[in-house]
Amino acid sequence: MSAPTTTGNERLLTPGEVATLFRVDPKTVTRWASAGRIGSIRTPGGHRRFRESEVRGMLADLTSEATLPTRHP
């Protein structure tokens, strides 16, 4: 495995790494980026990379939403 890509102090994740965190297919992550649901950076070679802090924040938001108690009328 290659060394992690970083920009400044921020680690950049590949679509495959993001897909593993969300337990989805890497193509789904690419579709999310194309739709603007998650920000991405393009490498000089045209590959997408995702800021780890943004990905982890999005994952935390989804996790907290999933664990909120449901309200019954």
PDB file of N, CA and C in Angstrom:
ATOM      1  N   MET A   1       0.849  -1.183   0.000  1.00  0.00           N
ATOM      2  CA  MET A   1       0.000   0.000   0.000  1.00  0.00           C
ATOM      3  C   MET A   1       0.887   1.236   0.000  1.00  0.00           C
ATOM      4  N   SER A   2       0.475   2.256  -0.704  1.00  0.00           N
ATOM      5  CA  SER A   2       1.277   3.472  -0.795  1.00  0.00           C
ATOM      6  C   SER A   2       1.055   4.348   0.432  1.00  0.00           C
ATOM      7  N   ALA A   3       1.942   5.316   0.601  1.00  0.00           N
ATOM      8  CA  ALA A   3       1.837   6.249   1.719  1.00  0.00           C
ATOM      9  C   ALA A   3       0.596   7.113   1.538  1.00  0.00           C
ATOM     10  N   PRO A   4      -0.029   7.529   2.655  1.00  0.00           N
ATOM     11  CA  PRO A   4      -1.218   8.367   2.541  1.00  0.00           C
ATOM     12  C   PRO A   4      -0.892   9.705   1.895  1.00  0.00           C
ATOM     13  N   THR A   5      -1.814  10.195   1.099  1.00  0.00           N
ATOM     14  CA  THR A   5      -1.664  11.498   0.475  1.00  0.00           C
ATOM     15  C   THR A   5      -2.108  12.547   1.478  1.00  0.00           C
ATOM     16  N   THR A   6      -1.367  13.652   1.537  1.00  0.00           N
ATOM     17  CA  THR A   6      -1.745  14.724   2.447  1.00  0.00           C
ATOM     18  C   THR A   6      -1.709  16.059   1.724  1.00  0.00           C
ATOM     19  N   THR A   7      -2.516  16.975   2.187  1.00  0.00           N
ATOM     20  CA  THR A   7      -2.470  18.347   1.729  1.00  0.00           C
ATOM     21  C   THR A   7      -2.360  19.202   2.977  1.00  0.00           C
ATOM     22  N   GLY A   8      -1.239  19.878   3.150  1.00  0.00           N
ATOM     23  CA  GLY A   8      -0.989  20.568   4.410  1.00  0.00           C
ATOM     24  C   GLY A   8      -0.853  19.511   5.493  1.00  0.00           C
ATOM     25  N   ASN A   9      -1.694  19.585   6.514  1.00  0.00           N
ATOM     26  CA  ASN A   9      -1.705  18.565   7.562  1.00  0.00           C
ATOM     27  C   ASN A   9      -2.875  17.612   7.407  1.00  0.00           C
ATOM     28  N   GLU A  10      -3.642  17.766   6.343  1.00  0.00           N
ATOM     29  CA  GLU A  10      -4.869  16.991   6.125  1.00  0.00           C
ATOM     30  C   GLU A  10      -4.588  15.741   5.307  1.00  0.00           C
ATOM     31  N   ARG A  11      -5.005  14.601   5.822  1.00  0.00           N
ATOM     32  CA  ARG A  11      -4.863  13.351   5.071  1.00  0.00           C
ATOM     33  C   ARG A  11      -5.984  13.285   4.030  1.00  0.00           C
ATOM     34  N   LEU A  12      -5.639  12.837   2.835  1.00  0.00           N
ATOM     35  CA  LEU A  12      -6.615  12.676   1.762  1.00  0.00           C
ATOM     36  C   LEU A  12      -6.880  11.193   1.554  1.00  0.00           C
ATOM     37  N   LEU A  13      -8.160  10.854   1.451  1.00  0.00           N
ATOM     38  CA  LEU A  13      -8.569   9.470   1.291  1.00  0.00           C
ATOM     39  C   LEU A  13      -8.962   9.179  -0.155  1.00  0.00           C
ATOM     40  N   THR A  14      -8.737   7.956  -0.576  1.00  0.00           N
ATOM     41  CA  THR A  14      -9.161   7.518  -1.903  1.00  0.00           C
ATOM     42  C   THR A  14     -10.650   7.157  -1.846  1.00  0.00           C
ATOM     43  N   PRO A  15     -11.307   7.061  -3.000  1.00  0.00           N
ATOM     44  CA  PRO A  15     -12.704   6.612  -2.995  1.00  0.00           C
ATOM     45  C   PRO A  15     -12.870   5.241  -2.328  1.00  0.00           C
ATOM     46  N   GLY A  16     -11.905   4.370  -2.505  1.00  0.00           N
ATOM     47  CA  GLY A  16     -11.979   3.050  -1.883  1.00  0.00           C
ATOM     48  C   GLY A  16     -11.925   3.112  -0.365  1.00  0.00           C
ATOM     49  N   GLU A  17     -11.087   3.999   0.171  1.00  0.00           N
ATOM     50  CA  GLU A  17     -10.992   4.156   1.630  1.00  0.00           C
ATOM     51  C   GLU A  17     -12.285   4.743   2.196  1.00  0.00           C
ATOM     52  N   VAL A  18     -12.856   5.720   1.493  1.00  0.00           N
ATOM     53  CA  VAL A  18     -14.123   6.314   1.929  1.00  0.00           C
ATOM     54  C   VAL A  18     -15.230   5.258   1.857  1.00  0.00           C
ATOM     55  N   ALA A  19     -15.245   4.485   0.790  1.00  0.00           N
ATOM     56  CA  ALA A  19     -16.253   3.435   0.616  1.00  0.00           C
ATOM     57  C   ALA A  19     -16.186   2.423   1.754  1.00  0.00           C
ATOM     58  N   THR A  20     -14.993   2.080   2.181  1.00  0.00           N
ATOM     59  CA  THR A  20     -14.831   1.136   3.289  1.00  0.00           C
ATOM     60  C   THR A  20     -15.434   1.704   4.575  1.00  0.00           C
ATOM     61  N   LEU A  21     -15.208   2.985   4.838  1.00  0.00           N
ATOM     62  CA  LEU A  21     -15.753   3.613   6.047  1.00  0.00           C
ATOM     63  C   LEU A  21     -17.280   3.615   6.047  1.00  0.00           C
ATOM     64  N   PHE A  22     -17.879   3.866   4.873  1.00  0.00           N
ATOM     65  CA  PHE A  22     -19.336   3.950   4.770  1.00  0.00           C
ATOM     66  C   PHE A  22     -19.992   2.617   4.410  1.00  0.00           C
ATOM     67  N   ARG A  23     -19.135   1.616   4.119  1.00  0.00           N
ATOM     68  CA  ARG A  23     -19.622   0.289   3.716  1.00  0.00           C
ATOM     69  C   ARG A  23     -20.496   0.363   2.469  1.00  0.00           C
ATOM     70  N   VAL A  24     -19.965   1.081   1.476  1.00  0.00           N
ATOM     71  CA  VAL A  24     -20.617   1.193   0.170  1.00  0.00           C
ATOM     72  C   VAL A  24     -19.576   0.899  -0.906  1.00  0.00           C
ATOM     73  N   ASP A  25     -20.001   0.821  -2.147  1.00  0.00           N
ATOM     74  CA  ASP A  25     -19.111   0.610  -3.276  1.00  0.00           C
ATOM     75  C   ASP A  25     -18.374   1.919  -3.594  1.00  0.00           C
ATOM     76  N   PRO A  26     -17.118   1.851  -4.024  1.00  0.00           N
ATOM     77  CA  PRO A  26     -16.397   3.085  -4.397  1.00  0.00           C
ATOM     78  C   PRO A  26     -17.116   3.917  -5.456  1.00  0.00           C
ATOM     79  N   LYS A  27     -17.867   3.283  -6.344  1.00  0.00           N
ATOM     80  CA  LYS A  27     -18.622   4.040  -7.360  1.00  0.00           C
ATOM     81  C   LYS A  27     -19.683   4.916  -6.698  1.00  0.00           C
ATOM     82  N   THR A  28     -20.230   4.460  -5.577  1.00  0.00           N
ATOM     83  CA  THR A  28     -21.216   5.252  -4.847  1.00  0.00           C
ATOM     84  C   THR A  28     -20.573   6.533  -4.323  1.00  0.00           C
ATOM     85  N   VAL A  29     -19.360   6.420  -3.800  1.00  0.00           N
ATOM     86  CA  VAL A  29     -18.631   7.583  -3.299  1.00  0.00           C
ATOM     87  C   VAL A  29     -18.393   8.572  -4.440  1.00  0.00           C
ATOM     88  N   THR A  30     -18.027   8.068  -5.602  1.00  0.00           N
ATOM     89  CA  THR A  30     -17.811   8.926  -6.776  1.00  0.00           C
ATOM     90  C   THR A  30     -19.108   9.627  -7.173  1.00  0.00           C
ATOM     91  N   ARG A  31     -20.230   8.930  -7.110  1.00  0.00           N
ATOM     92  CA  ARG A  31     -21.524   9.548  -7.426  1.00  0.00           C
ATOM     93  C   ARG A  31     -21.873  10.628  -6.409  1.00  0.00           C
ATOM     94  N   TRP A  32     -21.581  10.370  -5.126  1.00  0.00           N
ATOM     95  CA  TRP A  32     -21.828  11.392  -4.098  1.00  0.00           C
ATOM     96  C   TRP A  32     -21.033  12.651  -4.406  1.00  0.00           C
ATOM     97  N   ALA A  33     -19.779  12.483  -4.812  1.00  0.00           N
ATOM     98  CA  ALA A  33     -18.930  13.634  -5.136  1.00  0.00           C
ATOM     99  C   ALA A  33     -19.475  14.378  -6.350  1.00  0.00           C
ATOM    100  N   SER A  34     -19.893  13.642  -7.366  1.00  0.00           N
ATOM    101  CA  SER A  34     -20.443  14.271  -8.575  1.00  0.00           C
ATOM    102  C   SER A  34     -21.720  15.042  -8.267  1.00  0.00           C
ATOM    103  N   ALA A  35     -22.505  14.544  -7.305  1.00  0.00           N
ATOM    104  CA  ALA A  35     -23.765  15.189  -6.931  1.00  0.00           C
ATOM    105  C   ALA A  35     -23.561  16.307  -5.915  1.00  0.00           C
ATOM    106  N   GLY A  36     -22.324  16.491  -5.416  1.00  0.00           N
ATOM    107  CA  GLY A  36     -22.056  17.543  -4.450  1.00  0.00           C
ATOM    108  C   GLY A  36     -22.370  17.177  -3.018  1.00  0.00           C
ATOM    109  N   ARG A  37     -22.648  15.915  -2.737  1.00  0.00           N
ATOM    110  CA  ARG A  37     -22.952  15.487  -1.362  1.00  0.00           C
ATOM    111  C   ARG A  37     -21.705  15.442  -0.493  1.00  0.00           C
ATOM    112  N   ILE A  38     -20.535  15.302  -1.133  1.00  0.00           N
ATOM    113  CA  ILE A  38     -19.269  15.266  -0.413  1.00  0.00           C
ATOM    114  C   ILE A  38     -18.230  15.977  -1.274  1.00  0.00           C
ATOM    115  N   GLY A  39     -17.402  16.779  -0.640  1.00  0.00           N
ATOM    116  CA  GLY A  39     -16.388  17.521  -1.381  1.00  0.00           C
ATOM    117  C   GLY A  39     -15.234  16.624  -1.790  1.00  0.00           C
ATOM    118  N   SER A  40     -14.634  16.935  -2.922  1.00  0.00           N
ATOM    119  CA  SER A  40     -13.474  16.166  -3.366  1.00  0.00           C
ATOM    120  C   SER A  40     -12.448  17.082  -4.011  1.00  0.00           C
ATOM    121  N   ILE A  41     -11.251  16.575  -4.070  1.00  0.00           N
ATOM    122  CA  ILE A  41     -10.126  17.265  -4.695  1.00  0.00           C
ATOM    123  C   ILE A  41      -9.672  16.377  -5.842  1.00  0.00           C
ATOM    124  N   ARG A  42      -9.289  16.991  -6.944  1.00  0.00           N
ATOM    125  CA  ARG A  42      -8.752  16.228  -8.075  1.00  0.00           C
ATOM    126  C   ARG A  42      -7.233  16.288  -8.040  1.00  0.00           C
ATOM    127  N   THR A  43      -6.593  15.138  -8.192  1.00  0.00           N
ATOM    128  CA  THR A  43      -5.140  15.092  -8.282  1.00  0.00           C
ATOM    129  C   THR A  43      -4.733  15.554  -9.679  1.00  0.00           C
ATOM    130  N   PRO A  44      -3.455  15.859  -9.896  1.00  0.00           N
ATOM    131  CA  PRO A  44      -3.017  16.225 -11.251  1.00  0.00           C
ATOM    132  C   PRO A  44      -3.340  15.136 -12.291  1.00  0.00           C
ATOM    133  N   GLY A  45      -3.434  13.895 -11.842  1.00  0.00           N
ATOM    134  CA  GLY A  45      -3.778  12.802 -12.751  1.00  0.00           C
ATOM    135  C   GLY A  45      -5.271  12.625 -12.943  1.00  0.00           C
ATOM    136  N   GLY A  46      -6.088  13.450 -12.270  1.00  0.00           N
ATOM    137  CA  GLY A  46      -7.542  13.401 -12.439  1.00  0.00           C
ATOM    138  C   GLY A  46      -8.272  12.497 -11.460  1.00  0.00           C
ATOM    139  N   HIS A  47      -7.572  11.942 -10.486  1.00  0.00           N
ATOM    140  CA  HIS A  47      -8.206  11.060  -9.508  1.00  0.00           C
ATOM    141  C   HIS A  47      -8.822  11.888  -8.383  1.00  0.00           C
ATOM    142  N   ARG A  48      -9.913  11.383  -7.826  1.00  0.00           N
ATOM    143  CA  ARG A  48     -10.565  12.084  -6.710  1.00  0.00           C
ATOM    144  C   ARG A  48      -9.921  11.695  -5.395  1.00  0.00           C
ATOM    145  N   ARG A  49      -9.819  12.677  -4.506  1.00  0.00           N
ATOM    146  CA  ARG A  49      -9.372  12.448  -3.143  1.00  0.00           C
ATOM    147  C   ARG A  49     -10.309  13.225  -2.230  1.00  0.00           C
ATOM    148  N   PHE A  50     -10.482  12.717  -1.023  1.00  0.00           N
ATOM    149  CA  PHE A  50     -11.442  13.280  -0.082  1.00  0.00           C
ATOM    150  C   PHE A  50     -10.747  13.634   1.221  1.00  0.00           C
ATOM    151  N   ARG A  51     -11.060  14.818   1.767  1.00  0.00           N
ATOM    152  CA  ARG A  51     -10.457  15.253   3.035  1.00  0.00           C
ATOM    153  C   ARG A  51     -10.967  14.357   4.160  1.00  0.00           C
ATOM    154  N   GLU A  52     -10.028  13.794   4.902  1.00  0.00           N
ATOM    155  CA  GLU A  52     -10.393  12.862   5.973  1.00  0.00           C
ATOM    156  C   GLU A  52     -11.303  13.529   6.999  1.00  0.00           C
ATOM    157  N   SER A  53     -11.037  14.779   7.365  1.00  0.00           N
ATOM    158  CA  SER A  53     -11.855  15.457   8.377  1.00  0.00           C
ATOM    159  C   SER A  53     -13.310  15.593   7.906  1.00  0.00           C
ATOM    160  N   GLU A  54     -13.501  15.910   6.633  1.00  0.00           N
ATOM    161  CA  GLU A  54     -14.860  16.046   6.096  1.00  0.00           C
ATOM    162  C   GLU A  54     -15.573  14.697   6.083  1.00  0.00           C
ATOM    163  N   VAL A  55     -14.856  13.667   5.663  1.00  0.00           N
ATOM    164  CA  VAL A  55     -15.433  12.322   5.602  1.00  0.00           C
ATOM    165  C   VAL A  55     -15.817  11.852   7.003  1.00  0.00           C
ATOM    166  N   ARG A  56     -14.910  12.029   7.958  1.00  0.00           N
ATOM    167  CA  ARG A  56     -15.191  11.577   9.332  1.00  0.00           C
ATOM    168  C   ARG A  56     -16.341  12.385   9.950  1.00  0.00           C
ATOM    169  N   GLY A  57     -16.435  13.674   9.624  1.00  0.00           N
ATOM    170  CA  GLY A  57     -17.544  14.489  10.104  1.00  0.00           C
ATOM    171  C   GLY A  57     -18.871  14.020   9.544  1.00  0.00           C
ATOM    172  N   MET A  58     -18.875  13.717   8.253  1.00  0.00           N
ATOM    173  CA  MET A  58     -20.092  13.222   7.603  1.00  0.00           C
ATOM    174  C   MET A  58     -20.504  11.877   8.210  1.00  0.00           C
ATOM    175  N   LEU A  59     -19.524  11.027   8.448  1.00  0.00           N
ATOM    176  CA  LEU A  59     -19.794   9.722   9.047  1.00  0.00           C
ATOM    177  C   LEU A  59     -20.339   9.886  10.464  1.00  0.00           C
ATOM    178  N   ALA A  60     -19.772  10.806  11.236  1.00  0.00           N
ATOM    179  CA  ALA A  60     -20.241  11.055  12.602  1.00  0.00           C
ATOM    180  C   ALA A  60     -21.676  11.572  12.592  1.00  0.00           C
ATOM    181  N   ASP A  61     -21.995  12.478  11.664  1.00  0.00           N
ATOM    182  CA  ASP A  61     -23.358  13.003  11.560  1.00  0.00           C
ATOM    183  C   ASP A  61     -24.343  11.894  11.259  1.00  0.00           C
ATOM    184  N   LEU A  62     -23.998  11.021  10.321  1.00  0.00           N
ATOM    185  CA  LEU A  62     -24.892   9.923   9.961  1.00  0.00           C
ATOM    186  C   LEU A  62     -25.038   8.930  11.107  1.00  0.00           C
ATOM    187  N   THR A  63     -23.955   8.706  11.818  1.00  0.00           N
ATOM    188  CA  THR A  63     -23.993   7.778  12.945  1.00  0.00           C
ATOM    189  C   THR A  63     -24.853   8.329  14.071  1.00  0.00           C
ATOM    190  N   SER A  64     -24.729   9.632  14.352  1.00  0.00           N
ATOM    191  CA  SER A  64     -25.530  10.221  15.430  1.00  0.00           C
ATOM    192  C   SER A  64     -27.002  10.252  15.048  1.00  0.00           C
ATOM    193  N   GLU A  65     -27.325  10.478  13.782  1.00  0.00           N
ATOM    194  CA  GLU A  65     -28.708  10.449  13.324  1.00  0.00           C
ATOM    195  C   GLU A  65     -29.298   9.054  13.486  1.00  0.00           C
ATOM    196  N   ALA A  66     -28.493   8.041  13.221  1.00  0.00           N
ATOM    197  CA  ALA A  66     -28.966   6.667  13.303  1.00  0.00           C
ATOM    198  C   ALA A  66     -29.200   6.229  14.741  1.00  0.00           C
ATOM    199  N   THR A  67     -28.539   6.865  15.699  1.00  0.00           N
ATOM    200  CA  THR A  67     -28.674   6.448  17.092  1.00  0.00           C
ATOM    201  C   THR A  67     -29.628   7.332  17.904  1.00  0.00           C
ATOM    202  N   LEU A  68     -30.215   8.353  17.273  1.00  0.00           N
ATOM    203  CA  LEU A  68     -31.185   9.196  17.976  1.00  0.00           C
ATOM    204  C   LEU A  68     -32.432   8.384  18.296  1.00  0.00           C
ATOM    205  N   PRO A  69     -33.000   8.589  19.483  1.00  0.00           N
ATOM    206  CA  PRO A  69     -34.228   7.854  19.807  1.00  0.00           C
ATOM    207  C   PRO A  69     -35.371   8.321  18.910  1.00  0.00           C
ATOM    208  N   THR A  70     -36.218   7.400  18.553  1.00  0.00           N
ATOM    209  CA  THR A  70     -37.361   7.739  17.713  1.00  0.00           C
ATOM    210  C   THR A  70     -38.474   8.295  18.611  1.00  0.00           C
ATOM    211  N   ARG A  71     -39.197   9.259  18.071  1.00  0.00           N
ATOM    212  CA  ARG A  71     -40.294   9.870  18.815  1.00  0.00           C
ATOM    213  C   ARG A  71     -41.594   9.175  18.431  1.00  0.00           C
ATOM    214  N   HIS A  72     -42.332   8.838  19.444  1.00  0.00           N
ATOM    215  CA  HIS A  72     -43.644   8.215  19.216  1.00  0.00           C
ATOM    216  C   HIS A  72     -44.720   9.209  19.611  1.00  0.00           C
ATOM    217  N   PRO A  73     -45.757   9.320  18.796  1.00  0.00           N
ATOM    218  CA  PRO A  73     -46.821  10.291  19.111  1.00  0.00           C
ATOM    219  C   PRO A  73     -47.583   9.955  20.356  1.00  0.00           C
TER     220      PRO A  73
END
